[in-house]
Amino acid sequence: MKLIRYVYLVVMEAFYTFLADDGWAIASHIALSTLMALFPFLIVLTSLAGFFGSKELADGAVGLLLQTWPQQVADALSGEIYDVLTTTRGDILTVGAVLAVYFASNGVEALRVALNRAYSVVEPRAWYWLRLESIGYTLVAAVTSLLMAFLIVLGPLILETARRHIPFFVESNEGLLTFARYGITITAMTVALFVLHAWLPCGRRSFLQILPGIVFTMVGSLISGVVFGQYLARFASSYVTMYAGLASVIIALVFLYFISAIFVFGGELNAAIMKSQLPKGLSLHEAQSPRRAGSQA
């Protein structure tokens, strides 16, 4: 009974803090920034793929990126994404590509604002250092996506070689490839959420402190994707009727809004659990300060 009461109090504390921190508005900011950063990110992705000499890697990376999105949402953007991916880009060092990297990093900045609010911290670093860090995260995400896509592209060759030597063990590669795609995508999402919660906002938090929010975000995002996909399967035509040519953008924006709200609440949930474990008189901001973390170590 005590555990149930504790969970209830923590969840309600997270919810009220979510409202106090303008969680819905921040989620809207994240959703719009993410959508605006998506196509610059795809430009960076194709530029890097062209630099490495394989455009197919960009196709595979985008496939992984949209793997956990509802099919209706991914299909709504597929035409625009295809137009970006089919444009050959070897201009990674040009001004256009540099601007694409800058605009793609806006999504990271939006996530930083949300987490700083959730964890009740004030960012002391200069804006240009924060922007450089966000650009670094963007480039790392692009390169990591290409590396994961390379594993998927290499997968059929590995399975074909395995079938020759152990045919009774590897009979069909389609099921294994599907499992690999989802496994790699979910693993990448988990690692990305850990990096975001641990290092993106100001202050320092342990793995156990950010684990509840990561689990909540993963489970909530997967459930949201399924529910929103079922909703679109029945009512997608209403979006087309209401928004005409903007329907694909609105569908993607609404989906990203729900996912962003789940992400923000995950941070608030972590903060609420951390608050419940603090000694009296110690604020959450003080508990996460680097000086206190160093003294405890």
Foldseek 3Di string as FASTA:
>chain_A
DVVVVVVVVLLVQLVVLCVVLVVLVLLLQLLVLQLQLVLLLLLLLLQVCVCVPHLVLSVLLVCLVCVLAQPVLCVLCVVVSVVSSPDHHNPCPDPSNVVSLLSNLSSLVSLQSLLCSLLVADDPDDPVVLSVVSSVVSVVSSVVSSVLSVCLVCQVVVLVVVCVVCVVVRPDCPVVSSVSSVVVSLVVLLVVLQCSNAPNYPFGDDPVLLVQLSVQLSVQLSVLNVVLSVVCVVCLVVLCVVVPPCSSVVSSSVSSSSSSSSNSSSSNSSNSVVVVPDDPPDDSHNCRHPVNVVVVD
